[in-house]
PDB file of N, CA and C in Angstrom:
ATOM      1  N   UNK A   1     -70.920   9.949 -94.243  1.00  0.00           N
ATOM      2  CA  UNK A   1     -71.420  10.541 -93.142  1.00  0.00           C
ATOM      3  C   UNK A   1     -71.527   9.234 -92.641  1.00  0.00           C
ATOM      4  N   UNK A   2     -70.857   8.922 -90.759  1.00  0.00           N
ATOM      5  CA  UNK A   2     -71.478   8.422 -90.077  1.00  0.00           C
ATOM      6  C   UNK A   2     -73.120   7.263 -90.009  1.00  0.00           C
ATOM      7  N   UNK A   3     -72.655   6.406 -89.598  1.00  0.00           N
ATOM      8  CA  UNK A   3     -74.311   5.394 -88.778  1.00  0.00           C
ATOM      9  C   UNK A   3     -74.326   6.366 -88.073  1.00  0.00           C
ATOM     10  N   UNK A   4     -76.188   5.726 -87.174  1.00  0.00           N
ATOM     11  CA  UNK A   4     -76.772   6.729 -86.294  1.00  0.00           C
ATOM     12  C   UNK A   4     -75.821   6.262 -85.298  1.00  0.00           C
ATOM     13  N   UNK A   5     -76.097   6.598 -84.165  1.00  0.00           N
ATOM     14  CA  UNK A   5     -75.194   5.931 -82.251  1.00  0.00           C
ATOM     15  C   UNK A   5     -76.615   4.470 -82.398  1.00  0.00           C
ATOM     16  N   UNK A   6     -75.592   3.868 -81.929  1.00  0.00           N
ATOM     17  CA  UNK A   6     -76.802   3.080 -81.147  1.00  0.00           C
ATOM     18  C   UNK A   6     -75.999   2.071 -80.274  1.00  0.00           C
ATOM     19  N   UNK A   7     -76.631   1.307 -79.208  1.00  0.00           N
ATOM     20  CA  UNK A   7     -75.619   0.329 -78.237  1.00  0.00           C
ATOM     21  C   UNK A   7     -76.685  -0.634 -78.581  1.00  0.00           C
ATOM     22  N   UNK A   8     -76.087  -1.743 -78.032  1.00  0.00           N
ATOM     23  CA  UNK A   8     -76.808  -3.312 -78.212  1.00  0.00           C
ATOM     24  C   UNK A   8     -76.404  -3.448 -76.622  1.00  0.00           C
ATOM     25  N   UNK A   9     -77.415  -4.149 -76.467  1.00  0.00           N
ATOM     26  CA  UNK A   9     -77.933  -4.186 -75.070  1.00  0.00           C
ATOM     27  C   UNK A   9     -78.082  -6.073 -75.208  1.00  0.00           C
ATOM     28  N   UNK A  10     -78.084  -7.245 -74.060  1.00  0.00           N
ATOM     29  CA  UNK A  10     -79.412  -8.005 -74.163  1.00  0.00           C
ATOM     30  C   UNK A  10     -79.996  -7.663 -72.666  1.00  0.00           C
ATOM     31  N   UNK A  11     -81.190  -8.162 -73.466  1.00  0.00           N
ATOM     32  CA  UNK A  11     -82.914  -7.754 -72.768  1.00  0.00           C
ATOM     33  C   UNK A  11     -83.242  -8.859 -71.875  1.00  0.00           C
ATOM     34  N   UNK A  12     -84.716  -9.115 -71.505  1.00  0.00           N
ATOM     35  CA  UNK A  12     -85.707  -9.960 -71.171  1.00  0.00           C
ATOM     36  C   UNK A  12     -86.762  -9.732 -71.868  1.00  0.00           C
ATOM     37  N   UNK A  13     -87.302 -10.459 -71.773  1.00  0.00           N
ATOM     38  CA  UNK A  13     -89.260 -10.174 -72.457  1.00  0.00           C
ATOM     39  C   UNK A  13     -89.864 -10.476 -71.044  1.00  0.00           C
ATOM     40  N   UNK A  14     -90.028  -8.910 -70.539  1.00  0.00           N
ATOM     41  CA  UNK A  14     -91.509  -9.036 -69.732  1.00  0.00           C
ATOM     42  C   UNK A  14     -92.753  -9.100 -69.828  1.00  0.00           C
ATOM     43  N   UNK A  15     -93.680  -8.923 -70.667  1.00  0.00           N
ATOM     44  CA  UNK A  15     -94.670  -8.836 -71.233  1.00  0.00           C
ATOM     45  C   UNK A  15     -94.772  -8.741 -73.013  1.00  0.00           C
ATOM     46  N   UNK A  16     -96.294  -9.204 -73.579  1.00  0.00           N
ATOM     47  CA  UNK A  16     -95.988  -8.787 -74.332  1.00  0.00           C
ATOM     48  C   UNK A  16     -97.529  -7.312 -74.970  1.00  0.00           C
ATOM     49  N   UNK A  17     -96.993  -6.518 -75.751  1.00  0.00           N
ATOM     50  CA  UNK A  17     -97.999  -4.891 -75.451  1.00  0.00           C
ATOM     51  C   UNK A  17     -99.120  -5.266 -76.393  1.00  0.00           C
ATOM     52  N   UNK A  18     -98.314  -5.905 -77.186  1.00  0.00           N
ATOM     53  CA  UNK A  18     -98.829  -6.015 -78.910  1.00  0.00           C
ATOM     54  C   UNK A  18     -98.211  -7.191 -80.198  1.00  0.00           C
ATOM     55  N   UNK A  19     -98.750  -7.751 -81.464  1.00  0.00           N
ATOM     56  CA  UNK A  19     -98.161  -8.741 -81.566  1.00  0.00           C
ATOM     57  C   UNK A  19     -96.144  -8.347 -82.068  1.00  0.00           C
ATOM     58  N   UNK A  20     -96.787  -6.547 -82.209  1.00  0.00           N
ATOM     59  CA  UNK A  20     -95.391  -5.763 -82.916  1.00  0.00           C
ATOM     60  C   UNK A  20     -93.222  -4.866 -81.707  1.00  0.00           C
ATOM     61  N   UNK A  21     -94.918  -5.183 -80.399  1.00  0.00           N
ATOM     62  CA  UNK A  21     -94.302  -4.207 -78.605  1.00  0.00           C
ATOM     63  C   UNK A  21     -94.041  -5.486 -77.717  1.00  0.00           C
ATOM     64  N   UNK A  22     -93.251  -5.224 -77.411  1.00  0.00           N
ATOM     65  CA  UNK A  22     -92.988  -6.095 -75.959  1.00  0.00           C
ATOM     66  C   UNK A  22     -92.316  -4.958 -74.663  1.00  0.00           C
ATOM     67  N   UNK A  23     -93.082  -5.090 -73.676  1.00  0.00           N
ATOM     68  CA  UNK A  23     -92.069  -4.751 -72.382  1.00  0.00           C
ATOM     69  C   UNK A  23     -90.471  -4.995 -72.237  1.00  0.00           C
ATOM     70  N   UNK A  24     -89.819  -4.609 -72.193  1.00  0.00           N
ATOM     71  CA  UNK A  24     -88.967  -5.564 -71.974  1.00  0.00           C
ATOM     72  C   UNK A  24     -87.096  -4.277 -69.858  1.00  0.00           C
ATOM     73  N   UNK A  25     -86.925  -5.086 -70.246  1.00  0.00           N
ATOM     74  CA  UNK A  25     -85.994  -4.909 -69.234  1.00  0.00           C
ATOM     75  C   UNK A  25     -84.593  -4.821 -69.126  1.00  0.00           C
ATOM     76  N   UNK A  26     -84.175  -4.049 -69.246  1.00  0.00           N
ATOM     77  CA  UNK A  26     -82.391  -4.434 -69.230  1.00  0.00           C
ATOM     78  C   UNK A  26     -81.660  -5.530 -67.932  1.00  0.00           C
ATOM     79  N   UNK A  27     -80.625  -5.869 -68.001  1.00  0.00           N
ATOM     80  CA  UNK A  27     -80.231  -5.641 -66.674  1.00  0.00           C
ATOM     81  C   UNK A  27     -79.862  -5.239 -65.550  1.00  0.00           C
ATOM     82  N   UNK A  28     -79.831  -4.658 -65.375  1.00  0.00           N
ATOM     83  CA  UNK A  28     -79.578  -3.614 -64.510  1.00  0.00           C
ATOM     84  C   UNK A  28     -81.415  -3.030 -64.154  1.00  0.00           C
ATOM     85  N   UNK A  29     -82.005  -3.422 -64.139  1.00  0.00           N
ATOM     86  CA  UNK A  29     -83.764  -3.206 -64.048  1.00  0.00           C
ATOM     87  C   UNK A  29     -84.611  -2.270 -65.213  1.00  0.00           C
ATOM     88  N   UNK A  30     -84.176  -1.311 -65.590  1.00  0.00           N
ATOM     89  CA  UNK A  30     -84.321  -0.745 -66.321  1.00  0.00           C
ATOM     90  C   UNK A  30     -85.149  -0.782 -67.637  1.00  0.00           C
ATOM     91  N   UNK A  31     -86.443  -0.695 -67.619  1.00  0.00           N
ATOM     92  CA  UNK A  31     -88.216  -1.150 -67.999  1.00  0.00           C
ATOM     93  C   UNK A  31     -87.998  -0.542 -69.704  1.00  0.00           C
ATOM     94  N   UNK A  32     -87.899  -0.643 -70.562  1.00  0.00           N
ATOM     95  CA  UNK A  32     -87.877   0.067 -71.591  1.00  0.00           C
ATOM     96  C   UNK A  32     -89.209  -0.971 -73.309  1.00  0.00           C
ATOM     97  N   UNK A  33     -89.547  -0.058 -73.705  1.00  0.00           N
ATOM     98  CA  UNK A  33     -90.972  -0.830 -74.896  1.00  0.00           C
ATOM     99  C   UNK A  33     -90.567  -1.158 -76.045  1.00  0.00           C
ATOM    100  N   UNK A  34     -89.066  -2.444 -76.993  1.00  0.00           N
ATOM    101  CA  UNK A  34     -89.742  -3.332 -77.883  1.00  0.00           C
ATOM    102  C   UNK A  34     -89.958  -3.468 -78.838  1.00  0.00           C
ATOM    103  N   UNK A  35     -89.424  -3.405 -80.121  1.00  0.00           N
ATOM    104  CA  UNK A  35     -90.018  -2.824 -81.111  1.00  0.00           C
ATOM    105  C   UNK A  35     -89.453  -3.584 -82.213  1.00  0.00           C
ATOM    106  N   UNK A  36     -89.988  -4.578 -82.450  1.00  0.00           N
ATOM    107  CA  UNK A  36     -90.396  -5.644 -83.753  1.00  0.00           C
ATOM    108  C   UNK A  36     -89.611  -4.698 -85.052  1.00  0.00           C
ATOM    109  N   UNK A  37     -87.907  -5.115 -85.784  1.00  0.00           N
ATOM    110  CA  UNK A  37     -88.511  -4.830 -87.315  1.00  0.00           C
ATOM    111  C   UNK A  37     -88.570  -5.380 -88.396  1.00  0.00           C
ATOM    112  N   UNK A  38     -89.426  -4.528 -89.742  1.00  0.00           N
ATOM    113  CA  UNK A  38     -90.165  -4.464 -90.558  1.00  0.00           C
ATOM    114  C   UNK A  38     -89.643  -6.159 -91.032  1.00  0.00           C
ATOM    115  N   UNK A  39     -88.259  -6.488 -91.199  1.00  0.00           N
ATOM    116  CA  UNK A  39     -87.411  -7.016 -91.354  1.00  0.00           C
ATOM    117  C   UNK A  39     -87.839  -8.544 -90.729  1.00  0.00           C
ATOM    118  N   UNK A  40     -88.962  -8.749 -89.827  1.00  0.00           N
ATOM    119  CA  UNK A  40     -89.142  -9.653 -88.800  1.00  0.00           C
ATOM    120  C   UNK A  40     -90.251  -9.675 -88.328  1.00  0.00           C
ATOM    121  N   UNK A  41     -91.092  -9.150 -89.004  1.00  0.00           N
ATOM    122  CA  UNK A  41     -92.930  -9.866 -88.036  1.00  0.00           C
ATOM    123  C   UNK A  41     -92.299 -10.886 -88.706  1.00  0.00           C
ATOM    124  N   UNK A  42     -92.196 -11.781 -89.611  1.00  0.00           N
ATOM    125  CA  UNK A  42     -92.688 -12.903 -90.021  1.00  0.00           C
ATOM    126  C   UNK A  42     -92.158 -13.831 -88.999  1.00  0.00           C
ATOM    127  N   UNK A  43     -90.136 -13.858 -88.244  1.00  0.00           N
ATOM    128  CA  UNK A  43     -89.574 -14.405 -87.974  1.00  0.00           C
ATOM    129  C   UNK A  43     -90.785 -15.394 -87.096  1.00  0.00           C
ATOM    130  N   UNK A  44     -90.234 -16.194 -85.734  1.00  0.00           N
ATOM    131  CA  UNK A  44     -91.099 -16.238 -84.625  1.00  0.00           C
ATOM    132  C   UNK A  44     -90.815 -15.726 -83.963  1.00  0.00           C
ATOM    133  N   UNK A  45     -91.635 -15.405 -82.869  1.00  0.00           N
ATOM    134  CA  UNK A  45     -91.662 -13.221 -81.928  1.00  0.00           C
ATOM    135  C   UNK A  45     -91.432 -14.500 -81.123  1.00  0.00           C
ATOM    136  N   UNK A  46     -90.275 -13.382 -79.914  1.00  0.00           N
ATOM    137  CA  UNK A  46     -90.050 -13.514 -78.598  1.00  0.00           C
ATOM    138  C   UNK A  46     -90.463 -13.737 -77.408  1.00  0.00           C
ATOM    139  N   UNK A  47     -91.675 -15.081 -76.728  1.00  0.00           N
ATOM    140  CA  UNK A  47     -92.335 -15.777 -75.775  1.00  0.00           C
ATOM    141  C   UNK A  47     -91.647 -14.666 -74.363  1.00  0.00           C
ATOM    142  N   UNK A  48     -92.772 -14.556 -73.297  1.00  0.00           N
ATOM    143  CA  UNK A  48     -92.499 -13.494 -72.265  1.00  0.00           C
ATOM    144  C   UNK A  48     -91.208 -14.622 -71.817  1.00  0.00           C
ATOM    145  N   UNK A  49     -89.743 -13.341 -71.508  1.00  0.00           N
ATOM    146  CA  UNK A  49     -88.812 -14.914 -70.070  1.00  0.00           C
ATOM    147  C   UNK A  49     -87.398 -14.717 -71.124  1.00  0.00           C
ATOM    148  N   UNK A  50     -88.138 -14.617 -72.808  1.00  0.00           N
ATOM    149  CA  UNK A  50     -86.717 -14.837 -73.368  1.00  0.00           C
ATOM    150  C   UNK A  50     -85.873 -13.619 -73.791  1.00  0.00           C
ATOM    151  N   UNK A  51     -84.986 -14.432 -73.698  1.00  0.00           N
ATOM    152  CA  UNK A  51     -83.585 -13.230 -73.314  1.00  0.00           C
ATOM    153  C   UNK A  51     -83.801 -12.706 -74.622  1.00  0.00           C
ATOM    154  N   UNK A  52     -83.262 -11.146 -75.394  1.00  0.00           N
ATOM    155  CA  UNK A  52     -83.082 -11.095 -76.731  1.00  0.00           C
ATOM    156  C   UNK A  52     -82.307  -9.774 -76.507  1.00  0.00           C
ATOM    157  N   UNK A  53     -81.226  -9.683 -77.392  1.00  0.00           N
ATOM    158  CA  UNK A  53     -80.922  -8.268 -77.499  1.00  0.00           C
ATOM    159  C   UNK A  53     -81.410  -6.750 -78.432  1.00  0.00           C
ATOM    160  N   UNK A  54     -81.376  -5.866 -77.627  1.00  0.00           N
ATOM    161  CA  UNK A  54     -81.663  -4.877 -78.987  1.00  0.00           C
ATOM    162  C   UNK A  54     -81.008  -4.433 -79.070  1.00  0.00           C
ATOM    163  N   UNK A  55     -81.150  -3.047 -80.330  1.00  0.00           N
ATOM    164  CA  UNK A  55     -80.445  -1.800 -80.251  1.00  0.00           C
ATOM    165  C   UNK A  55     -81.392  -1.119 -80.476  1.00  0.00           C
ATOM    166  N   UNK A  56     -80.018  -0.011 -79.471  1.00  0.00           N
ATOM    167  CA  UNK A  56     -80.875   1.172 -78.063  1.00  0.00           C
ATOM    168  C   UNK A  56     -79.765   2.926 -79.109  1.00  0.00           C
ATOM    169  N   UNK A  57     -81.371   4.073 -78.569  1.00  0.00           N
ATOM    170  CA  UNK A  57     -79.962   4.719 -78.901  1.00  0.00           C
ATOM    171  C   UNK A  57     -79.814   5.373 -77.323  1.00  0.00           C
ATOM    172  N   UNK A  58     -78.238   5.988 -77.319  1.00  0.00           N
ATOM    173  CA  UNK A  58     -77.702   6.482 -75.785  1.00  0.00           C
ATOM    174  C   UNK A  58     -78.570   7.834 -75.746  1.00  0.00           C
ATOM    175  N   UNK A  59     -79.629   7.840 -76.599  1.00  0.00           N
ATOM    176  CA  UNK A  59     -80.327   9.384 -76.661  1.00  0.00           C
ATOM    177  C   UNK A  59     -81.587   9.213 -76.124  1.00  0.00           C
ATOM    178  N   UNK A  60     -82.407   7.945 -76.093  1.00  0.00           N
ATOM    179  CA  UNK A  60     -83.450   7.711 -76.084  1.00  0.00           C
ATOM    180  C   UNK A  60     -83.610   6.618 -75.288  1.00  0.00           C
ATOM    181  N   UNK A  61     -83.458   5.876 -74.195  1.00  0.00           N
ATOM    182  CA  UNK A  61     -83.040   4.573 -73.829  1.00  0.00           C
ATOM    183  C   UNK A  61     -84.518   4.364 -72.755  1.00  0.00           C
ATOM    184  N   UNK A  62     -86.287   4.971 -73.503  1.00  0.00           N
ATOM    185  CA  UNK A  62     -86.865   4.971 -73.155  1.00  0.00           C
ATOM    186  C   UNK A  62     -87.499   3.587 -74.147  1.00  0.00           C
ATOM    187  N   UNK A  63     -86.903   3.831 -75.388  1.00  0.00           N
ATOM    188  CA  UNK A  63     -87.841   2.473 -76.478  1.00  0.00           C
ATOM    189  C   UNK A  63     -86.203   1.844 -76.932  1.00  0.00           C
ATOM    190  N   UNK A  64     -86.418   0.421 -77.621  1.00  0.00           N
ATOM    191  CA  UNK A  64     -85.271   0.274 -79.062  1.00  0.00           C
ATOM    192  C   UNK A  64     -85.706  -0.779 -79.539  1.00  0.00           C
ATOM    193  N   UNK A  65     -84.563  -1.140 -80.000  1.00  0.00           N
ATOM    194  CA  UNK A  65     -85.545  -1.801 -81.654  1.00  0.00           C
ATOM    195  C   UNK A  65     -84.985  -4.094 -81.305  1.00  0.00           C
ATOM    196  N   UNK A  66     -85.928  -5.009 -81.475  1.00  0.00           N
ATOM    197  CA  UNK A  66     -85.722  -6.318 -81.259  1.00  0.00           C
ATOM    198  C   UNK A  66     -85.038  -6.390 -82.209  1.00  0.00           C
ATOM    199  N   UNK A  67     -83.518  -7.093 -81.991  1.00  0.00           N
ATOM    200  CA  UNK A  67     -83.056  -8.193 -83.434  1.00  0.00           C
ATOM    201  C   UNK A  67     -82.886  -9.386 -83.557  1.00  0.00           C
ATOM    202  N   UNK A  68     -83.934  -9.890 -83.693  1.00  0.00           N
ATOM    203  CA  UNK A  68     -83.713 -11.269 -83.916  1.00  0.00           C
ATOM    204  C   UNK A  68     -82.955 -11.340 -85.152  1.00  0.00           C
ATOM    205  N   UNK A  69     -81.751 -12.588 -85.009  1.00  0.00           N
ATOM    206  CA  UNK A  69     -81.794 -13.256 -85.912  1.00  0.00           C
ATOM    207  C   UNK A  69     -82.023 -15.096 -85.953  1.00  0.00           C
ATOM    208  N   UNK A  70     -80.853 -15.523 -87.648  1.00  0.00           N
ATOM    209  CA  UNK A  70     -81.301 -16.610 -87.388  1.00  0.00           C
ATOM    210  C   UNK A  70     -81.146 -17.638 -86.266  1.00  0.00           C
ATOM    211  N   UNK A  71     -79.517 -17.370 -85.803  1.00  0.00           N
ATOM    212  CA  UNK A  71     -78.916 -18.403 -84.620  1.00  0.00           C
ATOM    213  C   UNK A  71     -80.512 -18.216 -83.872  1.00  0.00           C
ATOM    214  N   UNK A  72     -80.827 -17.101 -83.303  1.00  0.00           N
ATOM    215  CA  UNK A  72     -81.455 -16.620 -81.876  1.00  0.00           C
ATOM    216  C   UNK A  72     -82.644 -18.200 -82.661  1.00  0.00           C
ATOM    217  N   UNK A  73     -83.441 -17.164 -83.566  1.00  0.00           N
ATOM    218  CA  UNK A  73     -84.402 -18.202 -84.413  1.00  0.00           C
ATOM    219  C   UNK A  73     -84.277 -19.398 -83.734  1.00  0.00           C
ATOM    220  N   UNK A  74     -82.888 -20.248 -84.261  1.00  0.00           N
ATOM    221  CA  UNK A  74     -82.825 -21.179 -84.283  1.00  0.00           C
ATOM    222  C   UNK A  74     -82.863 -22.031 -82.720  1.00  0.00           C
ATOM    223  N   UNK A  75     -82.042 -20.868 -82.112  1.00  0.00           N
ATOM    224  CA  UNK A  75     -81.860 -21.612 -80.516  1.00  0.00           C
ATOM    225  C   UNK A  75     -83.587 -21.817 -80.207  1.00  0.00           C
ATOM    226  N   UNK A  76     -84.169 -20.633 -80.500  1.00  0.00           N
ATOM    227  CA  UNK A  76     -85.887 -20.865 -79.455  1.00  0.00           C
ATOM    228  C   UNK A  76     -86.944 -21.746 -79.937  1.00  0.00           C
ATOM    229  N   UNK A  77     -85.849 -23.253 -80.933  1.00  0.00           N
ATOM    230  CA  UNK A  77     -86.798 -24.090 -80.951  1.00  0.00           C
ATOM    231  C   UNK A  77     -86.085 -25.005 -80.243  1.00  0.00           C
ATOM    232  N   UNK A  78     -87.040 -25.753 -80.143  1.00  0.00           N
ATOM    233  CA  UNK A  78     -86.877 -27.121 -79.840  1.00  0.00           C
ATOM    234  C   UNK A  78     -85.349 -28.034 -80.446  1.00  0.00           C
ATOM    235  N   UNK A  79     -85.616 -27.805 -81.761  1.00  0.00           N
ATOM    236  CA  UNK A  79     -84.782 -29.032 -81.639  1.00  0.00           C
ATOM    237  C   UNK A  79     -83.979 -28.682 -82.519  1.00  0.00           C
ATOM    238  N   UNK A  80     -83.088 -27.588 -82.541  1.00  0.00           N
ATOM    239  CA  UNK A  80     -81.631 -27.014 -83.613  1.00  0.00           C
ATOM    240  C   UNK A  80     -80.594 -27.724 -83.983  1.00  0.00           C
ATOM    241  N   UNK A  81     -79.800 -27.326 -84.365  1.00  0.00           N
ATOM    242  CA  UNK A  81     -79.070 -27.963 -85.449  1.00  0.00           C
ATOM    243  C   UNK A  81     -77.567 -28.198 -84.163  1.00  0.00           C
ATOM    244  N   UNK A  82     -77.785 -27.516 -83.935  1.00  0.00           N
ATOM    245  CA  UNK A  82     -76.225 -27.653 -81.881  1.00  0.00           C
ATOM    246  C   UNK A  82     -76.777 -29.121 -81.396  1.00  0.00           C
ATOM    247  N   UNK A  83     -78.205 -29.434 -81.268  1.00  0.00           N
ATOM    248  CA  UNK A  83     -78.642 -30.504 -80.976  1.00  0.00           C
ATOM    249  C   UNK A  83     -78.387 -31.851 -81.702  1.00  0.00           C
ATOM    250  N   UNK A  84     -77.925 -32.012 -83.093  1.00  0.00           N
ATOM    251  CA  UNK A  84     -77.670 -32.388 -83.359  1.00  0.00           C
ATOM    252  C   UNK A  84     -77.082 -33.446 -83.110  1.00  0.00           C
TER     253      UNK A  84
END
């Protein structure tokens, strides 16, 4: 059986709704609610204005899931391995 269909897009965090939900906006101006995955609850949360990757269903573009990987987490800090 195939995995669910998902689209991976870049978005910008517009505002924080609560500690697990954010208002986000795509490049084309479409706004939606982005949620953190349970695995990412303990990682650093994105700030307003941050560029993030989101996973969305092509059937429901009103919500998406924030994808925070270790690289993004390191880039958001002031000192990362790339600066060394």
